[in-house]
Amino acid sequence: MKINLLPIGARFEYEGQIYTKTGPITATAEKGGQRMIPRHATLRPVDGFTPPPPDTGSRKIDEKTVLEAFEAYHATALRLAEGLGKAELEQARTKFLAALAG
């Protein structure tokens, strides 16, 4: 585990010593003294700490929410276009909705 995955106050073992995380890359040794912990260092959590699952970057949004947001955006774009490019905007809308349908 890496230091950035541990919350402040978490205890971990590094190079045979037990530390408590006190900052983004700093920790205090059980025996005293502050130390910078390299971000690349592999740490072993103690006290049964389980890190949160990694963020995959994906999230679920229901289709209704996407379509409502898109239609609101499209209505604003049409209003702002004031006649210029409205046909292109309608074509883009049709392509977007077709792409969502699969």
PDB file of N, CA and C in Angstrom:
ATOM      1  N   MET A   1       0.837  -1.167   0.000  1.00  0.00           N
ATOM      2  CA  MET A   1       0.000   0.000   0.000  1.00  0.00           C
ATOM      3  C   MET A   1       0.890   1.240   0.000  1.00  0.00           C
ATOM      4  N   LYS A   2       0.422   2.283  -0.618  1.00  0.00           N
ATOM      5  CA  LYS A   2       1.171   3.538  -0.709  1.00  0.00           C
ATOM      6  C   LYS A   2       0.660   4.537   0.331  1.00  0.00           C
ATOM      7  N   ILE A   3       1.498   5.479   0.688  1.00  0.00           N
ATOM      8  CA  ILE A   3       1.194   6.467   1.727  1.00  0.00           C
ATOM      9  C   ILE A   3      -0.052   7.290   1.407  1.00  0.00           C
ATOM     10  N   ASN A   4      -0.281   7.590   0.140  1.00  0.00           N
ATOM     11  CA  ASN A   4      -1.423   8.435  -0.222  1.00  0.00           C
ATOM     12  C   ASN A   4      -2.766   7.732   0.000  1.00  0.00           C
ATOM     13  N   LEU A   5      -2.768   6.404   0.169  1.00  0.00           N
ATOM     14  CA  LEU A   5      -4.010   5.679   0.412  1.00  0.00           C
ATOM     15  C   LEU A   5      -4.382   5.617   1.882  1.00  0.00           C
ATOM     16  N   LEU A   6      -3.454   6.000   2.751  1.00  0.00           N
ATOM     17  CA  LEU A   6      -3.701   5.960   4.192  1.00  0.00           C
ATOM     18  C   LEU A   6      -4.236   7.304   4.691  1.00  0.00           C
ATOM     19  N   PRO A   7      -5.229   7.287   5.569  1.00  0.00           N
ATOM     20  CA  PRO A   7      -5.701   8.548   6.155  1.00  0.00           C
ATOM     21  C   PRO A   7      -4.737   9.014   7.242  1.00  0.00           C
ATOM     22  N   ILE A   8      -4.778  10.294   7.555  1.00  0.00           N
ATOM     23  CA  ILE A   8      -3.984  10.831   8.657  1.00  0.00           C
ATOM     24  C   ILE A   8      -4.372  10.066   9.930  1.00  0.00           C
ATOM     25  N   GLY A   9      -3.377   9.670  10.690  1.00  0.00           N
ATOM     26  CA  GLY A   9      -3.623   8.931  11.920  1.00  0.00           C
ATOM     27  C   GLY A   9      -3.504   7.425  11.769  1.00  0.00           C
ATOM     28  N   ALA A  10      -3.446   6.947  10.537  1.00  0.00           N
ATOM     29  CA  ALA A  10      -3.321   5.503  10.314  1.00  0.00           C
ATOM     30  C   ALA A  10      -1.915   5.049  10.695  1.00  0.00           C
ATOM     31  N   ARG A  11      -1.845   3.844  11.218  1.00  0.00           N
ATOM     32  CA  ARG A  11      -0.543   3.287  11.591  1.00  0.00           C
ATOM     33  C   ARG A  11      -0.119   2.283  10.527  1.00  0.00           C
ATOM     34  N   PHE A  12       1.195   2.245  10.268  1.00  0.00           N
ATOM     35  CA  PHE A  12       1.728   1.347   9.250  1.00  0.00           C
ATOM     36  C   PHE A  12       3.154   0.963   9.593  1.00  0.00           C
ATOM     37  N   GLU A  13       3.610  -0.105   8.947  1.00  0.00           N
ATOM     38  CA  GLU A  13       4.994  -0.543   9.129  1.00  0.00           C
ATOM     39  C   GLU A  13       5.773  -0.204   7.873  1.00  0.00           C
ATOM     40  N   TYR A  14       6.962   0.335   8.093  1.00  0.00           N
ATOM     41  CA  TYR A  14       7.859   0.667   6.988  1.00  0.00           C
ATOM     42  C   TYR A  14       9.287   0.437   7.469  1.00  0.00           C
ATOM     43  N   GLU A  15      10.011  -0.353   6.711  1.00  0.00           N
ATOM     44  CA  GLU A  15      11.403  -0.677   7.023  1.00  0.00           C
ATOM     45  C   GLU A  15      11.560  -1.168   8.469  1.00  0.00           C
ATOM     46  N   GLY A  16      10.619  -2.019   8.912  1.00  0.00           N
ATOM     47  CA  GLY A  16      10.723  -2.655  10.215  1.00  0.00           C
ATOM     48  C   GLY A  16      10.279  -1.813  11.400  1.00  0.00           C
ATOM     49  N   GLN A  17       9.809  -0.594  11.166  1.00  0.00           N
ATOM     50  CA  GLN A  17       9.342   0.262  12.260  1.00  0.00           C
ATOM     51  C   GLN A  17       7.872   0.596  12.064  1.00  0.00           C
ATOM     52  N   ILE A  18       7.194   0.872  13.174  1.00  0.00           N
ATOM     53  CA  ILE A  18       5.787   1.264  13.140  1.00  0.00           C
ATOM     54  C   ILE A  18       5.708   2.791  13.164  1.00  0.00           C
ATOM     55  N   TYR A  19       4.916   3.338  12.253  1.00  0.00           N
ATOM     56  CA  TYR A  19       4.735   4.786  12.129  1.00  0.00           C
ATOM     57  C   TYR A  19       3.245   5.132  12.190  1.00  0.00           C
ATOM     58  N   THR A  20       2.972   6.393  12.497  1.00  0.00           N
ATOM     59  CA  THR A  20       1.629   6.960  12.414  1.00  0.00           C
ATOM     60  C   THR A  20       1.689   8.096  11.406  1.00  0.00           C
ATOM     61  N   LYS A  21       0.800   8.055  10.420  1.00  0.00           N
ATOM     62  CA  LYS A  21       0.793   9.102   9.391  1.00  0.00           C
ATOM     63  C   LYS A  21       0.341  10.421  10.004  1.00  0.00           C
ATOM     64  N   THR A  22       1.154  11.469   9.783  1.00  0.00           N
ATOM     65  CA  THR A  22       0.850  12.789  10.337  1.00  0.00           C
ATOM     66  C   THR A  22       0.630  13.856   9.274  1.00  0.00           C
ATOM     67  N   GLY A  23       0.954  13.554   8.036  1.00  0.00           N
ATOM     68  CA  GLY A  23       0.783  14.498   6.932  1.00  0.00           C
ATOM     69  C   GLY A  23       0.746  13.739   5.624  1.00  0.00           C
ATOM     70  N   PRO A  24       0.669  14.454   4.512  1.00  0.00           N
ATOM     71  CA  PRO A  24       0.586  13.779   3.210  1.00  0.00           C
ATOM     72  C   PRO A  24       1.728  12.788   2.957  1.00  0.00           C
ATOM     73  N   ILE A  25       2.941  13.137   3.384  1.00  0.00           N
ATOM     74  CA  ILE A  25       4.077  12.224   3.204  1.00  0.00           C
ATOM     75  C   ILE A  25       4.944  12.149   4.456  1.00  0.00           C
ATOM     76  N   THR A  26       4.380  12.536   5.604  1.00  0.00           N
ATOM     77  CA  THR A  26       5.157  12.493   6.850  1.00  0.00           C
ATOM     78  C   THR A  26       4.510  11.550   7.847  1.00  0.00           C
ATOM     79  N   ALA A  27       5.360  11.027   8.725  1.00  0.00           N
ATOM     80  CA  ALA A  27       4.890  10.114   9.760  1.00  0.00           C
ATOM     81  C   ALA A  27       5.776  10.246  10.990  1.00  0.00           C
ATOM     82  N   THR A  28       5.214   9.861  12.124  1.00  0.00           N
ATOM     83  CA  THR A  28       5.950   9.843  13.374  1.00  0.00           C
ATOM     84  C   THR A  28       6.186   8.393  13.770  1.00  0.00           C
ATOM     85  N   ALA A  29       7.432   8.069  14.088  1.00  0.00           N
ATOM     86  CA  ALA A  29       7.778   6.712  14.494  1.00  0.00           C
ATOM     87  C   ALA A  29       7.253   6.445  15.891  1.00  0.00           C
ATOM     88  N   GLU A  30       6.944   5.185  16.156  1.00  0.00           N
ATOM     89  CA  GLU A  30       6.480   4.776  17.476  1.00  0.00           C
ATOM     90  C   GLU A  30       7.523   5.107  18.546  1.00  0.00           C
ATOM     91  N   LYS A  31       8.794   5.033  18.164  1.00  0.00           N
ATOM     92  CA  LYS A  31       9.899   5.305  19.084  1.00  0.00           C
ATOM     93  C   LYS A  31      10.267   6.783  19.107  1.00  0.00           C
ATOM     94  N   GLY A  32       9.514   7.609  18.364  1.00  0.00           N
ATOM     95  CA  GLY A  32       9.782   9.047  18.324  1.00  0.00           C
ATOM     96  C   GLY A  32      10.494   9.457  17.055  1.00  0.00           C
ATOM     97  N   GLY A  33      10.314  10.683  16.683  1.00  0.00           N
ATOM     98  CA  GLY A  33      10.966  11.238  15.501  1.00  0.00           C
ATOM     99  C   GLY A  33      10.056  11.252  14.286  1.00  0.00           C
ATOM    100  N   GLN A  34      10.172  12.326  13.518  1.00  0.00           N
ATOM    101  CA  GLN A  34       9.415  12.491  12.280  1.00  0.00           C
ATOM    102  C   GLN A  34      10.226  11.965  11.105  1.00  0.00           C
ATOM    103  N   ARG A  35       9.519  11.521  10.066  1.00  0.00           N
ATOM    104  CA  ARG A  35      10.203  11.032   8.872  1.00  0.00           C
ATOM    105  C   ARG A  35       9.316  11.277   7.660  1.00  0.00           C
ATOM    106  N   MET A  36       9.962  11.619   6.548  1.00  0.00           N
ATOM    107  CA  MET A  36       9.253  11.694   5.277  1.00  0.00           C
ATOM    108  C   MET A  36       9.210  10.285   4.696  1.00  0.00           C
ATOM    109  N   ILE A  37       8.040   9.896   4.214  1.00  0.00           N
ATOM    110  CA  ILE A  37       7.865   8.578   3.612  1.00  0.00           C
ATOM    111  C   ILE A  37       7.735   8.774   2.108  1.00  0.00           C
ATOM    112  N   PRO A  38       8.613   8.162   1.326  1.00  0.00           N
ATOM    113  CA  PRO A  38       8.522   8.331  -0.135  1.00  0.00           C
ATOM    114  C   PRO A  38       7.181   7.814  -0.669  1.00  0.00           C
ATOM    115  N   ARG A  39       6.654   8.516  -1.640  1.00  0.00           N
ATOM    116  CA  ARG A  39       5.370   8.111  -2.233  1.00  0.00           C
ATOM    117  C   ARG A  39       5.447   6.736  -2.873  1.00  0.00           C
ATOM    118  N   HIS A  40       6.611   6.351  -3.336  1.00  0.00           N
ATOM    119  CA  HIS A  40       6.773   5.048  -4.001  1.00  0.00           C
ATOM    120  C   HIS A  40       6.936   3.900  -3.007  1.00  0.00           C
ATOM    121  N   ALA A  41       7.123   4.215  -1.718  1.00  0.00           N
ATOM    122  CA  ALA A  41       7.371   3.186  -0.708  1.00  0.00           C
ATOM    123  C   ALA A  41       6.143   2.288  -0.535  1.00  0.00           C
ATOM    124  N   THR A  42       6.394   0.995  -0.370  1.00  0.00           N
ATOM    125  CA  THR A  42       5.322   0.052  -0.093  1.00  0.00           C
ATOM    126  C   THR A  42       5.213  -0.122   1.421  1.00  0.00           C
ATOM    127  N   LEU A  43       4.038   0.154   1.940  1.00  0.00           N
ATOM    128  CA  LEU A  43       3.800   0.132   3.386  1.00  0.00           C
ATOM    129  C   LEU A  43       2.872  -1.027   3.744  1.00  0.00           C
ATOM    130  N   ARG A  44       2.980  -1.490   4.998  1.00  0.00           N
ATOM    131  CA  ARG A  44       2.086  -2.531   5.496  1.00  0.00           C
ATOM    132  C   ARG A  44       1.244  -1.919   6.600  1.00  0.00           C
ATOM    133  N   PRO A  45      -0.079  -1.769   6.356  1.00  0.00           N
ATOM    134  CA  PRO A  45      -0.937  -1.196   7.384  1.00  0.00           C
ATOM    135  C   PRO A  45      -0.992  -2.105   8.618  1.00  0.00           C
ATOM    136  N   VAL A  46      -1.127  -1.500   9.774  1.00  0.00           N
ATOM    137  CA  VAL A  46      -1.325  -2.253  11.011  1.00  0.00           C
ATOM    138  C   VAL A  46      -2.677  -1.850  11.586  1.00  0.00           C
ATOM    139  N   ASP A  47      -3.107  -2.511  12.645  1.00  0.00           N
ATOM    140  CA  ASP A  47      -4.397  -2.232  13.288  1.00  0.00           C
ATOM    141  C   ASP A  47      -5.583  -2.580  12.399  1.00  0.00           C
ATOM    142  N   GLY A  48      -5.382  -3.453  11.413  1.00  0.00           N
ATOM    143  CA  GLY A  48      -6.487  -3.920  10.588  1.00  0.00           C
ATOM    144  C   GLY A  48      -7.054  -2.910   9.625  1.00  0.00           C
ATOM    145  N   PHE A  49      -6.311  -1.861   9.298  1.00  0.00           N
ATOM    146  CA  PHE A  49      -6.810  -0.863   8.353  1.00  0.00           C
ATOM    147  C   PHE A  49      -6.961  -1.483   6.973  1.00  0.00           C
ATOM    148  N   THR A  50      -8.127  -1.295   6.364  1.00  0.00           N
ATOM    149  CA  THR A  50      -8.370  -1.743   4.999  1.00  0.00           C
ATOM    150  C   THR A  50      -8.549  -0.513   4.131  1.00  0.00           C
ATOM    151  N   PRO A  51      -7.747  -0.386   3.093  1.00  0.00           N
ATOM    152  CA  PRO A  51      -7.874   0.796   2.233  1.00  0.00           C
ATOM    153  C   PRO A  51      -9.172   0.752   1.440  1.00  0.00           C
ATOM    154  N   PRO A  52      -9.663   1.913   1.040  1.00  0.00           N
ATOM    155  CA  PRO A  52     -10.869   1.929   0.211  1.00  0.00           C
ATOM    156  C   PRO A  52     -10.561   1.294  -1.137  1.00  0.00           C
ATOM    157  N   PRO A  53     -11.574   0.740  -1.802  1.00  0.00           N
ATOM    158  CA  PRO A  53     -11.315   0.161  -3.118  1.00  0.00           C
ATOM    159  C   PRO A  53     -10.867   1.243  -4.085  1.00  0.00           C
ATOM    160  N   PRO A  54     -10.022   0.901  -5.048  1.00  0.00           N
ATOM    161  CA  PRO A  54      -9.555   1.916  -5.996  1.00  0.00           C
ATOM    162  C   PRO A  54     -10.712   2.483  -6.810  1.00  0.00           C
ATOM    163  N   ASP A  55     -10.631   3.765  -7.073  1.00  0.00           N
ATOM    164  CA  ASP A  55     -11.642   4.434  -7.882  1.00  0.00           C
ATOM    165  C   ASP A  55     -11.395   4.086  -9.332  1.00  0.00           C
ATOM    166  N   THR A  56     -12.373   3.460  -9.956  1.00  0.00           N
ATOM    167  CA  THR A  56     -12.214   3.050 -11.353  1.00  0.00           C
ATOM    168  C   THR A  56     -12.506   4.197 -12.310  1.00  0.00           C
ATOM    169  N   GLY A  57     -13.033   5.280 -11.770  1.00  0.00           N
ATOM    170  CA  GLY A  57     -13.317   6.426 -12.618  1.00  0.00           C
ATOM    171  C   GLY A  57     -14.658   6.315 -13.321  1.00  0.00           C
ATOM    172  N   SER A  58     -15.323   5.181 -13.198  1.00  0.00           N
ATOM    173  CA  SER A  58     -16.619   5.043 -13.852  1.00  0.00           C
ATOM    174  C   SER A  58     -17.725   5.190 -12.815  1.00  0.00           C
ATOM    175  N   ARG A  59     -18.818   5.747 -13.245  1.00  0.00           N
ATOM    176  CA  ARG A  59     -19.972   5.861 -12.378  1.00  0.00           C
ATOM    177  C   ARG A  59     -21.215   5.667 -13.223  1.00  0.00           C
ATOM    178  N   LYS A  60     -22.267   5.271 -12.600  1.00  0.00           N
ATOM    179  CA  LYS A  60     -23.521   4.997 -13.300  1.00  0.00           C
ATOM    180  C   LYS A  60     -24.412   6.228 -13.246  1.00  0.00           C
ATOM    181  N   ILE A  61     -24.922   6.616 -14.418  1.00  0.00           N
ATOM    182  CA  ILE A  61     -25.896   7.689 -14.515  1.00  0.00           C
ATOM    183  C   ILE A  61     -27.047   7.126 -15.332  1.00  0.00           C
ATOM    184  N   ASP A  62     -28.257   7.288 -14.829  1.00  0.00           N
ATOM    185  CA  ASP A  62     -29.377   6.710 -15.557  1.00  0.00           C
ATOM    186  C   ASP A  62     -29.663   7.491 -16.840  1.00  0.00           C
ATOM    187  N   GLU A  63     -30.268   6.800 -17.787  1.00  0.00           N
ATOM    188  CA  GLU A  63     -30.516   7.363 -19.121  1.00  0.00           C
ATOM    189  C   GLU A  63     -31.384   8.605 -19.060  1.00  0.00           C
ATOM    190  N   LYS A  64     -32.399   8.597 -18.204  1.00  0.00           N
ATOM    191  CA  LYS A  64     -33.303   9.747 -18.099  1.00  0.00           C
ATOM    192  C   LYS A  64     -32.539  11.009 -17.707  1.00  0.00           C
ATOM    193  N   THR A  65     -31.608  10.898 -16.760  1.00  0.00           N
ATOM    194  CA  THR A  65     -30.812  12.042 -16.318  1.00  0.00           C
ATOM    195  C   THR A  65     -29.958  12.585 -17.449  1.00  0.00           C
ATOM    196  N   VAL A  66     -29.326  11.679 -18.213  1.00  0.00           N
ATOM    197  CA  VAL A  66     -28.487  12.099 -19.341  1.00  0.00           C
ATOM    198  C   VAL A  66     -29.327  12.812 -20.392  1.00  0.00           C
ATOM    199  N   LEU A  67     -30.465  12.229 -20.750  1.00  0.00           N
ATOM    200  CA  LEU A  67     -31.313  12.829 -21.792  1.00  0.00           C
ATOM    201  C   LEU A  67     -31.862  14.184 -21.360  1.00  0.00           C
ATOM    202  N   GLU A  68     -32.271  14.309 -20.093  1.00  0.00           N
ATOM    203  CA  GLU A  68     -32.777  15.601 -19.612  1.00  0.00           C
ATOM    204  C   GLU A  68     -31.693  16.669 -19.654  1.00  0.00           C
ATOM    205  N   ALA A  69     -30.491  16.309 -19.231  1.00  0.00           N
ATOM    206  CA  ALA A  69     -29.375  17.264 -19.251  1.00  0.00           C
ATOM    207  C   ALA A  69     -29.026  17.654 -20.686  1.00  0.00           C
ATOM    208  N   PHE A  70     -29.002  16.671 -21.568  1.00  0.00           N
ATOM    209  CA  PHE A  70     -28.671  16.960 -22.961  1.00  0.00           C
ATOM    210  C   PHE A  70     -29.734  17.853 -23.603  1.00  0.00           C
ATOM    211  N   GLU A  71     -31.004  17.554 -23.378  1.00  0.00           N
ATOM    212  CA  GLU A  71     -32.070  18.363 -23.990  1.00  0.00           C
ATOM    213  C   GLU A  71     -32.037  19.796 -23.456  1.00  0.00           C
ATOM    214  N   ALA A  72     -31.711  19.976 -22.181  1.00  0.00           N
ATOM    215  CA  ALA A  72     -31.584  21.332 -21.631  1.00  0.00           C
ATOM    216  C   ALA A  72     -30.422  22.060 -22.305  1.00  0.00           C
ATOM    217  N   TYR A  73     -29.310  21.361 -22.467  1.00  0.00           N
ATOM    218  CA  TYR A  73     -28.157  21.944 -23.148  1.00  0.00           C
ATOM    219  C   TYR A  73     -28.523  22.295 -24.591  1.00  0.00           C
ATOM    220  N   HIS A  74     -29.171  21.374 -25.270  1.00  0.00           N
ATOM    221  CA  HIS A  74     -29.512  21.574 -26.679  1.00  0.00           C
ATOM    222  C   HIS A  74     -30.454  22.770 -26.852  1.00  0.00           C
ATOM    223  N   ALA A  75     -31.429  22.898 -25.966  1.00  0.00           N
ATOM    224  CA  ALA A  75     -32.357  24.034 -26.044  1.00  0.00           C
ATOM    225  C   ALA A  75     -31.604  25.353 -25.887  1.00  0.00           C
ATOM    226  N   THR A  76     -30.652  25.404 -24.973  1.00  0.00           N
ATOM    227  CA  THR A  76     -29.845  26.612 -24.787  1.00  0.00           C
ATOM    228  C   THR A  76     -28.998  26.890 -26.019  1.00  0.00           C
ATOM    229  N   ALA A  77     -28.395  25.857 -26.570  1.00  0.00           N
ATOM    230  CA  ALA A  77     -27.560  26.033 -27.764  1.00  0.00           C
ATOM    231  C   ALA A  77     -28.387  26.557 -28.939  1.00  0.00           C
ATOM    232  N   LEU A  78     -29.595  26.032 -29.129  1.00  0.00           N
ATOM    233  CA  LEU A  78     -30.462  26.515 -30.212  1.00  0.00           C
ATOM    234  C   LEU A  78     -30.830  27.975 -30.011  1.00  0.00           C
ATOM    235  N   ARG A  79     -31.139  28.331 -28.774  1.00  0.00           N
ATOM    236  CA  ARG A  79     -31.503  29.728 -28.482  1.00  0.00           C
ATOM    237  C   ARG A  79     -30.322  30.654 -28.743  1.00  0.00           C
ATOM    238  N   LEU A  80     -29.136  30.241 -28.358  1.00  0.00           N
ATOM    239  CA  LEU A  80     -27.956  31.085 -28.547  1.00  0.00           C
ATOM    240  C   LEU A  80     -27.516  31.156 -30.010  1.00  0.00           C
ATOM    241  N   ALA A  81     -27.832  30.121 -30.774  1.00  0.00           N
ATOM    242  CA  ALA A  81     -27.427  30.100 -32.184  1.00  0.00           C
ATOM    243  C   ALA A  81     -28.188  31.138 -33.003  1.00  0.00           C
ATOM    244  N   GLU A  82     -29.381  31.520 -32.568  1.00  0.00           N
ATOM    245  CA  GLU A  82     -30.195  32.542 -33.233  1.00  0.00           C
ATOM    246  C   GLU A  82     -30.242  32.361 -34.744  1.00  0.00           C
ATOM    247  N   GLY A  83     -30.564  31.174 -35.205  1.00  0.00           N
ATOM    248  CA  GLY A  83     -30.722  30.936 -36.634  1.00  0.00           C
ATOM    249  C   GLY A  83     -29.469  30.466 -37.337  1.00  0.00           C
ATOM    250  N   LEU A  84     -28.299  30.832 -36.811  1.00  0.00           N
ATOM    251  CA  LEU A  84     -27.048  30.420 -37.434  1.00  0.00           C
ATOM    252  C   LEU A  84     -26.655  29.051 -36.911  1.00  0.00           C
ATOM    253  N   GLY A  85     -26.578  28.079 -37.767  1.00  0.00           N
ATOM    254  CA  GLY A  85     -26.130  26.750 -37.370  1.00  0.00           C
ATOM    255  C   GLY A  85     -27.191  25.887 -36.728  1.00  0.00           C
ATOM    256  N   LYS A  86     -28.471  26.314 -36.772  1.00  0.00           N
ATOM    257  CA  LYS A  86     -29.507  25.496 -36.138  1.00  0.00           C
ATOM    258  C   LYS A  86     -29.637  24.140 -36.817  1.00  0.00           C
ATOM    259  N   ALA A  87     -29.505  24.096 -38.124  1.00  0.00           N
ATOM    260  CA  ALA A  87     -29.604  22.816 -38.844  1.00  0.00           C
ATOM    261  C   ALA A  87     -28.482  21.875 -38.403  1.00  0.00           C
ATOM    262  N   GLU A  88     -27.273  22.423 -38.257  1.00  0.00           N
ATOM    263  CA  GLU A  88     -26.144  21.609 -37.812  1.00  0.00           C
ATOM    264  C   GLU A  88     -26.344  21.112 -36.375  1.00  0.00           C
ATOM    265  N   LEU A  89     -26.915  21.966 -35.534  1.00  0.00           N
ATOM    266  CA  LEU A  89     -27.199  21.558 -34.158  1.00  0.00           C
ATOM    267  C   LEU A  89     -28.225  20.424 -34.129  1.00  0.00           C
ATOM    268  N   GLU A  90     -29.227  20.504 -34.968  1.00  0.00           N
ATOM    269  CA  GLU A  90     -30.242  19.441 -35.015  1.00  0.00           C
ATOM    270  C   GLU A  90     -29.620  18.133 -35.523  1.00  0.00           C
ATOM    271  N   GLN A  91     -28.714  18.242 -36.506  1.00  0.00           N
ATOM    272  CA  GLN A  91     -28.019  17.044 -36.992  1.00  0.00           C
ATOM    273  C   GLN A  91     -27.150  16.444 -35.887  1.00  0.00           C
ATOM    274  N   ALA A  92     -26.463  17.286 -35.156  1.00  0.00           N
ATOM    275  CA  ALA A  92     -25.623  16.815 -34.059  1.00  0.00           C
ATOM    276  C   ALA A  92     -26.482  16.153 -32.988  1.00  0.00           C
ATOM    277  N   ARG A  93     -27.652  16.712 -32.695  1.00  0.00           N
ATOM    278  CA  ARG A  93     -28.551  16.119 -31.713  1.00  0.00           C
ATOM    279  C   ARG A  93     -28.994  14.734 -32.162  1.00  0.00           C
ATOM    280  N   THR A  94     -29.367  14.618 -33.436  1.00  0.00           N
ATOM    281  CA  THR A  94     -29.799  13.338 -33.971  1.00  0.00           C
ATOM    282  C   THR A  94     -28.688  12.299 -33.868  1.00  0.00           C
ATOM    283  N   LYS A  95     -27.464  12.676 -34.212  1.00  0.00           N
ATOM    284  CA  LYS A  95     -26.318  11.752 -34.119  1.00  0.00           C
ATOM    285  C   LYS A  95     -26.055  11.350 -32.677  1.00  0.00           C
ATOM    286  N   PHE A  96     -26.146  12.318 -31.762  1.00  0.00           N
ATOM    287  CA  PHE A  96     -25.914  12.031 -30.342  1.00  0.00           C
ATOM    288  C   PHE A  96     -26.936  11.020 -29.822  1.00  0.00           C
ATOM    289  N   LEU A  97     -28.211  11.267 -30.111  1.00  0.00           N
ATOM    290  CA  LEU A  97     -29.260  10.361 -29.636  1.00  0.00           C
ATOM    291  C   LEU A  97     -29.119   8.983 -30.270  1.00  0.00           C
ATOM    292  N   ALA A  98     -28.707   8.933 -31.541  1.00  0.00           N
ATOM    293  CA  ALA A  98     -28.496   7.641 -32.203  1.00  0.00           C
ATOM    294  C   ALA A  98     -27.343   6.894 -31.553  1.00  0.00           C
ATOM    295  N   ALA A  99     -26.289   7.616 -31.183  1.00  0.00           N
ATOM    296  CA  ALA A  99     -25.133   6.983 -30.532  1.00  0.00           C
ATOM    297  C   ALA A  99     -25.516   6.414 -29.166  1.00  0.00           C
ATOM    298  N   LEU A 100     -26.389   7.104 -28.455  1.00  0.00           N
ATOM    299  CA  LEU A 100     -26.854   6.600 -27.156  1.00  0.00           C
ATOM    300  C   LEU A 100     -27.686   5.332 -27.326  1.00  0.00           C
ATOM    301  N   ALA A 101     -28.443   5.281 -28.398  1.00  0.00           N
ATOM    302  CA  ALA A 101     -29.309   4.122 -28.639  1.00  0.00           C
ATOM    303  C   ALA A 101     -28.505   2.882 -28.999  1.00  0.00           C
ATOM    304  N   GLY A 102     -27.285   3.101 -29.455  1.00  0.00           N
ATOM    305  CA  GLY A 102     -26.403   1.981 -29.740  1.00  0.00           C
ATOM    306  C   GLY A 102     -26.358   1.677 -31.174  1.00  0.00           C
TER     307      GLY A 102
END
